[in-house]
């Protein structure tokens, strides 16, 4: 990981919450809130083990409900990056104090 990014992975927690009865939309809300908190703290975000542009292009014509959660995260970050002062560099979004 580069640029002081933090690792974030719902992984096991996602499946535990799903088994506990949380809906996909409830889980997405938790995930989105977590990403927003990270962005508000000006922490860089990096996707590993995947190529952001490839994934966004692959699922371009699919609704949010029909894509993997990682793609939904990528979409949300892409759509909101400028609002939080981020620029994209490859698979990362870096907080830029003067974009």
PDB file of N, CA and C in Angstrom:
ATOM      1  N   UNK A   1       0.844  -1.176   0.000  1.00  0.00           N
ATOM      2  CA  UNK A   1       0.000   0.000   0.000  1.00  0.00           C
ATOM      3  C   UNK A   1       0.888   1.237   0.000  1.00  0.00           C
ATOM      4  N   UNK A   2       0.482   2.237  -0.758  1.00  0.00           N
ATOM      5  CA  UNK A   2       1.272   3.454  -0.891  1.00  0.00           C
ATOM      6  C   UNK A   2       0.571   4.644  -0.253  1.00  0.00           C
ATOM      7  N   UNK A   3       1.316   5.717  -0.076  1.00  0.00           N
ATOM      8  CA  UNK A   3       0.762   7.008   0.334  1.00  0.00           C
ATOM      9  C   UNK A   3      -0.011   6.967   1.649  1.00  0.00           C
ATOM     10  N   UNK A   4       0.440   6.174   2.603  1.00  0.00           N
ATOM     11  CA  UNK A   4      -0.170   6.109   3.940  1.00  0.00           C
ATOM     12  C   UNK A   4      -1.637   5.691   3.913  1.00  0.00           C
ATOM     13  N   UNK A   5      -2.011   4.818   3.009  1.00  0.00           N
ATOM     14  CA  UNK A   5      -3.398   4.355   2.957  1.00  0.00           C
ATOM     15  C   UNK A   5      -3.640   3.325   4.053  1.00  0.00           C
ATOM     16  N   UNK A   6      -4.914   3.154   4.414  1.00  0.00           N
ATOM     17  CA  UNK A   6      -5.299   2.150   5.392  1.00  0.00           C
ATOM     18  C   UNK A   6      -6.045   1.040   4.680  1.00  0.00           C
ATOM     19  N   UNK A   7      -5.874  -0.182   5.168  1.00  0.00           N
ATOM     20  CA  UNK A   7      -6.549  -1.328   4.585  1.00  0.00           C
ATOM     21  C   UNK A   7      -7.952  -1.431   5.151  1.00  0.00           C
ATOM     22  N   UNK A   8      -8.919  -1.623   4.266  1.00  0.00           N
ATOM     23  CA  UNK A   8     -10.320  -1.733   4.658  1.00  0.00           C
ATOM     24  C   UNK A   8     -10.924  -2.919   3.908  1.00  0.00           C
ATOM     25  N   UNK A   9     -11.527  -3.826   4.649  1.00  0.00           N
ATOM     26  CA  UNK A   9     -12.144  -4.988   4.026  1.00  0.00           C
ATOM     27  C   UNK A   9     -13.272  -5.463   4.923  1.00  0.00           C
ATOM     28  N   UNK A  10     -14.492  -5.422   4.398  1.00  0.00           N
ATOM     29  CA  UNK A  10     -15.643  -5.884   5.184  1.00  0.00           C
ATOM     30  C   UNK A  10     -15.570  -7.397   5.394  1.00  0.00           C
ATOM     31  N   UNK A  11     -15.044  -8.120   4.414  1.00  0.00           N
ATOM     32  CA  UNK A  11     -14.802  -9.557   4.492  1.00  0.00           C
ATOM     33  C   UNK A  11     -15.773 -10.336   5.353  1.00  0.00           C
ATOM     34  N   UNK A  12     -15.239 -10.944   6.395  1.00  0.00           N
ATOM     35  CA  UNK A  12     -16.023 -11.799   7.286  1.00  0.00           C
ATOM     36  C   UNK A  12     -17.177 -11.048   7.943  1.00  0.00           C
ATOM     37  N   UNK A  13     -16.956  -9.799   8.290  1.00  0.00           N
ATOM     38  CA  UNK A  13     -18.010  -9.010   8.939  1.00  0.00           C
ATOM     39  C   UNK A  13     -19.237  -8.922   8.038  1.00  0.00           C
ATOM     40  N   UNK A  14     -19.012  -8.735   6.741  1.00  0.00           N
ATOM     41  CA  UNK A  14     -20.112  -8.649   5.785  1.00  0.00           C
ATOM     42  C   UNK A  14     -20.989  -9.909   5.871  1.00  0.00           C
ATOM     43  N   UNK A  15     -20.350 -11.069   5.824  1.00  0.00           N
ATOM     44  CA  UNK A  15     -21.115 -12.318   5.832  1.00  0.00           C
ATOM     45  C   UNK A  15     -21.791 -12.566   7.181  1.00  0.00           C
ATOM     46  N   UNK A  16     -21.154 -12.155   8.255  1.00  0.00           N
ATOM     47  CA  UNK A  16     -21.775 -12.282   9.573  1.00  0.00           C
ATOM     48  C   UNK A  16     -23.016 -11.404   9.676  1.00  0.00           C
ATOM     49  N   UNK A  17     -22.916 -10.168   9.188  1.00  0.00           N
ATOM     50  CA  UNK A  17     -24.071  -9.270   9.216  1.00  0.00           C
ATOM     51  C   UNK A  17     -25.174  -9.770   8.289  1.00  0.00           C
ATOM     52  N   UNK A  18     -24.785 -10.305   7.146  1.00  0.00           N
ATOM     53  CA  UNK A  18     -25.758 -10.860   6.193  1.00  0.00           C
ATOM     54  C   UNK A  18     -26.526 -12.016   6.853  1.00  0.00           C
ATOM     55  N   UNK A  19     -25.804 -12.886   7.528  1.00  0.00           N
ATOM     56  CA  UNK A  19     -26.436 -14.008   8.219  1.00  0.00           C
ATOM     57  C   UNK A  19     -27.319 -13.528   9.369  1.00  0.00           C
ATOM     58  N   UNK A  20     -26.987 -12.394   9.938  1.00  0.00           N
ATOM     59  CA  UNK A  20     -27.774 -11.839  11.037  1.00  0.00           C
ATOM     60  C   UNK A  20     -29.041 -11.142  10.549  1.00  0.00           C
ATOM     61  N   UNK A  21     -29.205 -11.052   9.226  1.00  0.00           N
ATOM     62  CA  UNK A  21     -30.443 -10.506   8.693  1.00  0.00           C
ATOM     63  C   UNK A  21     -30.342  -9.131   8.059  1.00  0.00           C
ATOM     64  N   UNK A  22     -29.160  -8.563   7.986  1.00  0.00           N
ATOM     65  CA  UNK A  22     -29.010  -7.264   7.326  1.00  0.00           C
ATOM     66  C   UNK A  22     -29.248  -7.426   5.825  1.00  0.00           C
ATOM     67  N   UNK A  23     -29.940  -6.469   5.231  1.00  0.00           N
ATOM     68  CA  UNK A  23     -30.180  -6.500   3.784  1.00  0.00           C
ATOM     69  C   UNK A  23     -28.951  -5.958   3.059  1.00  0.00           C
ATOM     70  N   UNK A  24     -28.898  -6.203   1.755  1.00  0.00           N
ATOM     71  CA  UNK A  24     -27.794  -5.667   0.957  1.00  0.00           C
ATOM     72  C   UNK A  24     -27.742  -4.144   1.039  1.00  0.00           C
ATOM     73  N   UNK A  25     -28.897  -3.502   1.047  1.00  0.00           N
ATOM     74  CA  UNK A  25     -28.917  -2.034   1.129  1.00  0.00           C
ATOM     75  C   UNK A  25     -28.435  -1.541   2.488  1.00  0.00           C
ATOM     76  N   UNK A  26     -28.790  -2.233   3.548  1.00  0.00           N
ATOM     77  CA  UNK A  26     -28.301  -1.860   4.872  1.00  0.00           C
ATOM     78  C   UNK A  26     -26.781  -2.023   4.946  1.00  0.00           C
ATOM     79  N   UNK A  27     -26.292  -3.108   4.378  1.00  0.00           N
ATOM     80  CA  UNK A  27     -24.847  -3.333   4.361  1.00  0.00           C
ATOM     81  C   UNK A  27     -24.139  -2.282   3.516  1.00  0.00           C
ATOM     82  N   UNK A  28     -24.755  -1.899   2.391  1.00  0.00           N
ATOM     83  CA  UNK A  28     -24.161  -0.856   1.565  1.00  0.00           C
ATOM     84  C   UNK A  28     -24.104   0.472   2.328  1.00  0.00           C
ATOM     85  N   UNK A  29     -25.154   0.792   3.074  1.00  0.00           N
ATOM     86  CA  UNK A  29     -25.171   2.028   3.847  1.00  0.00           C
ATOM     87  C   UNK A  29     -24.026   2.046   4.861  1.00  0.00           C
ATOM     88  N   UNK A  30     -23.804   0.927   5.530  1.00  0.00           N
ATOM     89  CA  UNK A  30     -22.684   0.826   6.476  1.00  0.00           C
ATOM     90  C   UNK A  30     -21.362   1.030   5.743  1.00  0.00           C
ATOM     91  N   UNK A  31     -21.217   0.375   4.617  1.00  0.00           N
ATOM     92  CA  UNK A  31     -20.006   0.464   3.824  1.00  0.00           C
ATOM     93  C   UNK A  31     -19.776   1.895   3.327  1.00  0.00           C
ATOM     94  N   UNK A  32     -20.804   2.504   2.788  1.00  0.00           N
ATOM     95  CA  UNK A  32     -20.712   3.871   2.274  1.00  0.00           C
ATOM     96  C   UNK A  32     -20.347   4.846   3.401  1.00  0.00           C
ATOM     97  N   UNK A  33     -20.980   4.704   4.539  1.00  0.00           N
ATOM     98  CA  UNK A  33     -20.674   5.569   5.682  1.00  0.00           C
ATOM     99  C   UNK A  33     -19.211   5.423   6.100  1.00  0.00           C
ATOM    100  N   UNK A  34     -18.706   4.195   6.064  1.00  0.00           N
ATOM    101  CA  UNK A  34     -17.308   3.951   6.419  1.00  0.00           C
ATOM    102  C   UNK A  34     -16.373   4.636   5.423  1.00  0.00           C
ATOM    103  N   UNK A  35     -16.664   4.499   4.143  1.00  0.00           N
ATOM    104  CA  UNK A  35     -15.842   5.139   3.117  1.00  0.00           C
ATOM    105  C   UNK A  35     -15.892   6.656   3.277  1.00  0.00           C
ATOM    106  N   UNK A  36     -17.067   7.192   3.519  1.00  0.00           N
ATOM    107  CA  UNK A  36     -17.204   8.640   3.688  1.00  0.00           C
ATOM    108  C   UNK A  36     -16.394   9.124   4.894  1.00  0.00           C
ATOM    109  N   UNK A  37     -16.425   8.372   5.974  1.00  0.00           N
ATOM    110  CA  UNK A  37     -15.640   8.736   7.162  1.00  0.00           C
ATOM    111  C   UNK A  37     -14.148   8.752   6.836  1.00  0.00           C
ATOM    112  N   UNK A  38     -13.699   7.768   6.085  1.00  0.00           N
ATOM    113  CA  UNK A  38     -12.294   7.726   5.666  1.00  0.00           C
ATOM    114  C   UNK A  38     -11.964   8.952   4.817  1.00  0.00           C
ATOM    115  N   UNK A  39     -12.838   9.286   3.885  1.00  0.00           N
ATOM    116  CA  UNK A  39     -12.586  10.438   3.021  1.00  0.00           C
ATOM    117  C   UNK A  39     -12.605  11.748   3.808  1.00  0.00           C
ATOM    118  N   UNK A  40     -13.496  11.855   4.758  1.00  0.00           N
ATOM    119  CA  UNK A  40     -13.550  13.060   5.591  1.00  0.00           C
ATOM    120  C   UNK A  40     -12.281  13.212   6.431  1.00  0.00           C
ATOM    121  N   UNK A  41     -11.613  12.102   6.717  1.00  0.00           N
ATOM    122  CA  UNK A  41     -10.378  12.150   7.502  1.00  0.00           C
ATOM    123  C   UNK A  41      -9.151  12.383   6.609  1.00  0.00           C
ATOM    124  N   UNK A  42      -9.404  12.529   5.309  1.00  0.00           N
ATOM    125  CA  UNK A  42      -8.343  12.833   4.336  1.00  0.00           C
ATOM    126  C   UNK A  42      -7.322  11.699   4.197  1.00  0.00           C
ATOM    127  N   UNK A  43      -7.765  10.487   4.434  1.00  0.00           N
ATOM    128  CA  UNK A  43      -6.919   9.305   4.292  1.00  0.00           C
ATOM    129  C   UNK A  43      -7.034   8.788   2.863  1.00  0.00           C
ATOM    130  N   UNK A  44      -5.908   8.469   2.261  1.00  0.00           N
ATOM    131  CA  UNK A  44      -5.921   7.950   0.896  1.00  0.00           C
ATOM    132  C   UNK A  44      -6.603   6.584   0.847  1.00  0.00           C
ATOM    133  N   UNK A  45      -7.157   6.274  -0.309  1.00  0.00           N
ATOM    134  CA  UNK A  45      -7.868   5.017  -0.520  1.00  0.00           C
ATOM    135  C   UNK A  45      -7.214   4.311  -1.699  1.00  0.00           C
ATOM    136  N   UNK A  46      -6.896   3.044  -1.521  1.00  0.00           N
ATOM    137  CA  UNK A  46      -6.263   2.285  -2.593  1.00  0.00           C
ATOM    138  C   UNK A  46      -6.941   0.926  -2.725  1.00  0.00           C
ATOM    139  N   UNK A  47      -7.267   0.546  -3.950  1.00  0.00           N
ATOM    140  CA  UNK A  47      -7.799  -0.783  -4.219  1.00  0.00           C
ATOM    141  C   UNK A  47      -6.640  -1.680  -4.623  1.00  0.00           C
ATOM    142  N   UNK A  48      -6.550  -2.833  -3.992  1.00  0.00           N
ATOM    143  CA  UNK A  48      -5.485  -3.780  -4.299  1.00  0.00           C
ATOM    144  C   UNK A  48      -6.092  -5.039  -4.918  1.00  0.00           C
ATOM    145  N   UNK A  49      -5.263  -5.761  -5.641  1.00  0.00           N
ATOM    146  CA  UNK A  49      -5.652  -7.014  -6.289  1.00  0.00           C
ATOM    147  C   UNK A  49      -6.717  -6.843  -7.366  1.00  0.00           C
ATOM    148  N   UNK A  50      -6.862  -5.628  -7.878  1.00  0.00           N
ATOM    149  CA  UNK A  50      -7.801  -5.378  -8.964  1.00  0.00           C
ATOM    150  C   UNK A  50      -7.409  -4.083  -9.658  1.00  0.00           C
ATOM    151  N   UNK A  51      -7.876  -3.895 -10.872  1.00  0.00           N
ATOM    152  CA  UNK A  51      -7.628  -2.656 -11.599  1.00  0.00           C
ATOM    153  C   UNK A  51      -8.933  -1.867 -11.659  1.00  0.00           C
ATOM    154  N   UNK A  52      -8.927  -0.686 -11.079  1.00  0.00           N
ATOM    155  CA  UNK A  52     -10.142   0.114 -10.955  1.00  0.00           C
ATOM    156  C   UNK A  52     -10.767   0.393 -12.319  1.00  0.00           C
ATOM    157  N   UNK A  53      -9.993   0.903 -13.255  1.00  0.00           N
ATOM    158  CA  UNK A  53     -10.557   1.268 -14.564  1.00  0.00           C
ATOM    159  C   UNK A  53     -11.129   0.055 -15.291  1.00  0.00           C
ATOM    160  N   UNK A  54     -10.446  -1.075 -15.211  1.00  0.00           N
ATOM    161  CA  UNK A  54     -10.939  -2.301 -15.843  1.00  0.00           C
ATOM    162  C   UNK A  54     -12.280  -2.715 -15.243  1.00  0.00           C
ATOM    163  N   UNK A  55     -12.373  -2.665 -13.922  1.00  0.00           N
ATOM    164  CA  UNK A  55     -13.614  -3.061 -13.257  1.00  0.00           C
ATOM    165  C   UNK A  55     -14.753  -2.090 -13.582  1.00  0.00           C
ATOM    166  N   UNK A  56     -14.476  -0.796 -13.568  1.00  0.00           N
ATOM    167  CA  UNK A  56     -15.522   0.179 -13.884  1.00  0.00           C
ATOM    168  C   UNK A  56     -16.017   0.011 -15.316  1.00  0.00           C
ATOM    169  N   UNK A  57     -15.106  -0.237 -16.233  1.00  0.00           N
ATOM    170  CA  UNK A  57     -15.501  -0.451 -17.632  1.00  0.00           C
ATOM    171  C   UNK A  57     -16.279  -1.748 -17.792  1.00  0.00           C
ATOM    172  N   UNK A  58     -15.841  -2.802 -17.135  1.00  0.00           N
ATOM    173  CA  UNK A  58     -16.491  -4.111 -17.237  1.00  0.00           C
ATOM    174  C   UNK A  58     -17.960  -4.053 -16.817  1.00  0.00           C
ATOM    175  N   UNK A  59     -18.256  -3.265 -15.783  1.00  0.00           N
ATOM    176  CA  UNK A  59     -19.607  -3.202 -15.233  1.00  0.00           C
ATOM    177  C   UNK A  59     -20.327  -1.898 -15.555  1.00  0.00           C
ATOM    178  N   UNK A  60     -19.845  -1.193 -16.555  1.00  0.00           N
ATOM    179  CA  UNK A  60     -20.381   0.121 -16.900  1.00  0.00           C
ATOM    180  C   UNK A  60     -21.893   0.125 -17.135  1.00  0.00           C
ATOM    181  N   UNK A  61     -22.415  -0.902 -17.756  1.00  0.00           N
ATOM    182  CA  UNK A  61     -23.833  -0.936 -18.119  1.00  0.00           C
ATOM    183  C   UNK A  61     -24.715  -1.647 -17.097  1.00  0.00           C
ATOM    184  N   UNK A  62     -24.160  -1.941 -15.921  1.00  0.00           N
ATOM    185  CA  UNK A  62     -24.908  -2.652 -14.890  1.00  0.00           C
ATOM    186  C   UNK A  62     -25.354  -1.684 -13.793  1.00  0.00           C
ATOM    187  N   UNK A  63     -26.492  -1.971 -13.191  1.00  0.00           N
ATOM    188  CA  UNK A  63     -26.963  -1.154 -12.067  1.00  0.00           C
ATOM    189  C   UNK A  63     -26.116  -1.449 -10.831  1.00  0.00           C
ATOM    190  N   UNK A  64     -26.198  -0.570  -9.850  1.00  0.00           N
ATOM    191  CA  UNK A  64     -25.454  -0.788  -8.606  1.00  0.00           C
ATOM    192  C   UNK A  64     -25.833  -2.116  -7.955  1.00  0.00           C
ATOM    193  N   UNK A  65     -27.091  -2.471  -8.033  1.00  0.00           N
ATOM    194  CA  UNK A  65     -27.555  -3.712  -7.409  1.00  0.00           C
ATOM    195  C   UNK A  65     -26.981  -4.957  -8.079  1.00  0.00           C
ATOM    196  N   UNK A  66     -26.510  -4.813  -9.323  1.00  0.00           N
ATOM    197  CA  UNK A  66     -26.053  -5.971 -10.088  1.00  0.00           C
ATOM    198  C   UNK A  66     -24.533  -6.105 -10.158  1.00  0.00           C
ATOM    199  N   UNK A  67     -23.808  -5.239  -9.460  1.00  0.00           N
ATOM    200  CA  UNK A  67     -22.339  -5.288  -9.534  1.00  0.00           C
ATOM    201  C   UNK A  67     -21.756  -5.753  -8.203  1.00  0.00           C
ATOM    202  N   UNK A  68     -20.527  -6.275  -8.232  1.00  0.00           N
ATOM    203  CA  UNK A  68     -19.861  -6.626  -6.974  1.00  0.00           C
ATOM    204  C   UNK A  68     -19.714  -5.384  -6.083  1.00  0.00           C
ATOM    205  N   UNK A  69     -19.678  -5.596  -4.793  1.00  0.00           N
ATOM    206  CA  UNK A  69     -19.608  -4.489  -3.843  1.00  0.00           C
ATOM    207  C   UNK A  69     -18.383  -3.618  -4.103  1.00  0.00           C
ATOM    208  N   UNK A  70     -17.268  -4.201  -4.498  1.00  0.00           N
ATOM    209  CA  UNK A  70     -16.058  -3.428  -4.791  1.00  0.00           C
ATOM    210  C   UNK A  70     -16.308  -2.417  -5.911  1.00  0.00           C
ATOM    211  N   UNK A  71     -17.056  -2.821  -6.922  1.00  0.00           N
ATOM    212  CA  UNK A  71     -17.363  -1.914  -8.030  1.00  0.00           C
ATOM    213  C   UNK A  71     -18.269  -0.788  -7.538  1.00  0.00           C
ATOM    214  N   UNK A  72     -19.211  -1.126  -6.702  1.00  0.00           N
ATOM    215  CA  UNK A  72     -20.088  -0.088  -6.147  1.00  0.00           C
ATOM    216  C   UNK A  72     -19.279   0.917  -5.325  1.00  0.00           C
ATOM    217  N   UNK A  73     -18.302   0.415  -4.564  1.00  0.00           N
ATOM    218  CA  UNK A  73     -17.413   1.301  -3.816  1.00  0.00           C
ATOM    219  C   UNK A  73     -16.634   2.214  -4.767  1.00  0.00           C
ATOM    220  N   UNK A  74     -16.076   1.615  -5.804  1.00  0.00           N
ATOM    221  CA  UNK A  74     -15.307   2.390  -6.785  1.00  0.00           C
ATOM    222  C   UNK A  74     -16.165   3.485  -7.411  1.00  0.00           C
ATOM    223  N   UNK A  75     -17.387   3.135  -7.769  1.00  0.00           N
ATOM    224  CA  UNK A  75     -18.305   4.121  -8.361  1.00  0.00           C
ATOM    225  C   UNK A  75     -18.571   5.271  -7.390  1.00  0.00           C
ATOM    226  N   UNK A  76     -18.865   4.923  -6.148  1.00  0.00           N
ATOM    227  CA  UNK A  76     -19.204   5.955  -5.171  1.00  0.00           C
ATOM    228  C   UNK A  76     -18.011   6.875  -4.932  1.00  0.00           C
ATOM    229  N   UNK A  77     -16.845   6.282  -4.782  1.00  0.00           N
ATOM    230  CA  UNK A  77     -15.642   7.093  -4.569  1.00  0.00           C
ATOM    231  C   UNK A  77     -15.381   7.978  -5.782  1.00  0.00           C
ATOM    232  N   UNK A  78     -15.474   7.421  -6.984  1.00  0.00           N
ATOM    233  CA  UNK A  78     -15.268   8.215  -8.207  1.00  0.00           C
ATOM    234  C   UNK A  78     -16.240   9.383  -8.282  1.00  0.00           C
ATOM    235  N   UNK A  79     -17.487   9.108  -7.964  1.00  0.00           N
ATOM    236  CA  UNK A  79     -18.527  10.141  -8.049  1.00  0.00           C
ATOM    237  C   UNK A  79     -18.371  11.230  -6.982  1.00  0.00           C
ATOM    238  N   UNK A  80     -17.749  10.906  -5.864  1.00  0.00           N
ATOM    239  CA  UNK A  80     -17.677  11.837  -4.739  1.00  0.00           C
ATOM    240  C   UNK A  80     -16.268  12.345  -4.429  1.00  0.00           C
ATOM    241  N   UNK A  81     -15.276  11.865  -5.141  1.00  0.00           N
ATOM    242  CA  UNK A  81     -13.884  12.201  -4.838  1.00  0.00           C
ATOM    243  C   UNK A  81     -13.627  13.704  -4.810  1.00  0.00           C
ATOM    244  N   UNK A  82     -14.050  14.410  -5.833  1.00  0.00           N
ATOM    245  CA  UNK A  82     -13.764  15.854  -5.921  1.00  0.00           C
ATOM    246  C   UNK A  82     -14.392  16.611  -4.758  1.00  0.00           C
ATOM    247  N   UNK A  83     -15.578  16.194  -4.345  1.00  0.00           N
ATOM    248  CA  UNK A  83     -16.264  16.862  -3.231  1.00  0.00           C
ATOM    249  C   UNK A  83     -15.438  16.806  -1.945  1.00  0.00           C
ATOM    250  N   UNK A  84     -14.671  15.733  -1.785  1.00  0.00           N
ATOM    251  CA  UNK A  84     -13.848  15.560  -0.588  1.00  0.00           C
ATOM    252  C   UNK A  84     -12.390  15.967  -0.811  1.00  0.00           C
ATOM    253  N   UNK A  85     -12.065  16.459  -2.003  1.00  0.00           N
ATOM    254  CA  UNK A  85     -10.712  16.922  -2.288  1.00  0.00           C
ATOM    255  C   UNK A  85      -9.741  15.841  -2.719  1.00  0.00           C
ATOM    256  N   UNK A  86     -10.266  14.784  -3.336  1.00  0.00           N
ATOM    257  CA  UNK A  86      -9.423  13.674  -3.776  1.00  0.00           C
ATOM    258  C   UNK A  86      -9.201  13.706  -5.286  1.00  0.00           C
ATOM    259  N   UNK A  87      -8.042  13.198  -5.680  1.00  0.00           N
ATOM    260  CA  UNK A  87      -7.763  12.961  -7.097  1.00  0.00           C
ATOM    261  C   UNK A  87      -7.412  11.487  -7.244  1.00  0.00           C
ATOM    262  N   UNK A  88      -7.723  10.926  -8.411  1.00  0.00           N
ATOM    263  CA  UNK A  88      -7.420   9.527  -8.647  1.00  0.00           C
ATOM    264  C   UNK A  88      -6.044   9.399  -9.274  1.00  0.00           C
ATOM    265  N   UNK A  89      -5.263   8.465  -8.748  1.00  0.00           N
ATOM    266  CA  UNK A  89      -3.965   8.098  -9.293  1.00  0.00           C
ATOM    267  C   UNK A  89      -3.948   6.588  -9.410  1.00  0.00           C
ATOM    268  N   UNK A  90      -4.227   6.074 -10.605  1.00  0.00           N
ATOM    269  CA  UNK A  90      -4.272   4.622 -10.791  1.00  0.00           C
ATOM    270  C   UNK A  90      -5.389   4.004  -9.994  1.00  0.00           C
ATOM    271  N   UNK A  91      -5.033   3.090  -9.101  1.00  0.00           N
ATOM    272  CA  UNK A  91      -6.021   2.401  -8.261  1.00  0.00           C
ATOM    273  C   UNK A  91      -6.246   3.102  -6.927  1.00  0.00           C
ATOM    274  N   UNK A  92      -5.710   4.320  -6.798  1.00  0.00           N
ATOM    275  CA  UNK A  92      -5.797   5.053  -5.534  1.00  0.00           C
ATOM    276  C   UNK A  92      -6.506   6.382  -5.721  1.00  0.00           C
ATOM    277  N   UNK A  93      -7.111   6.835  -4.628  1.00  0.00           N
ATOM    278  CA  UNK A  93      -7.611   8.203  -4.539  1.00  0.00           C
ATOM    279  C   UNK A  93      -6.805   8.854  -3.425  1.00  0.00           C
ATOM    280  N   UNK A  94      -6.144   9.947  -3.775  1.00  0.00           N
ATOM    281  CA  UNK A  94      -5.246  10.644  -2.866  1.00  0.00           C
ATOM    282  C   UNK A  94      -5.855  11.985  -2.505  1.00  0.00           C
ATOM    283  N   UNK A  95      -5.866  12.303  -1.226  1.00  0.00           N
ATOM    284  CA  UNK A  95      -6.361  13.611  -0.809  1.00  0.00           C
ATOM    285  C   UNK A  95      -5.369  14.652  -1.265  1.00  0.00           C
ATOM    286  N   UNK A  96      -5.854  15.643  -1.960  1.00  0.00           N
ATOM    287  CA  UNK A  96      -5.035  16.709  -2.525  1.00  0.00           C
ATOM    288  C   UNK A  96      -5.535  18.021  -1.933  1.00  0.00           C
ATOM    289  N   UNK A  97      -4.755  18.662  -1.050  1.00  0.00           N
ATOM    290  CA  UNK A  97      -5.241  19.861  -0.385  1.00  0.00           C
ATOM    291  C   UNK A  97      -5.580  21.014  -1.343  1.00  0.00           C
ATOM    292  N   UNK A  98      -4.937  21.043  -2.504  1.00  0.00           N
ATOM    293  CA  UNK A  98      -5.204  22.102  -3.485  1.00  0.00           C
ATOM    294  C   UNK A  98      -5.363  21.504  -4.874  1.00  0.00           C
ATOM    295  N   UNK A  99      -6.473  20.761  -5.083  1.00  0.00           N
ATOM    296  CA  UNK A  99      -6.637  20.076  -6.381  1.00  0.00           C
ATOM    297  C   UNK A  99      -6.755  21.035  -7.544  1.00  0.00           C
TER     298      UNK A  99
END
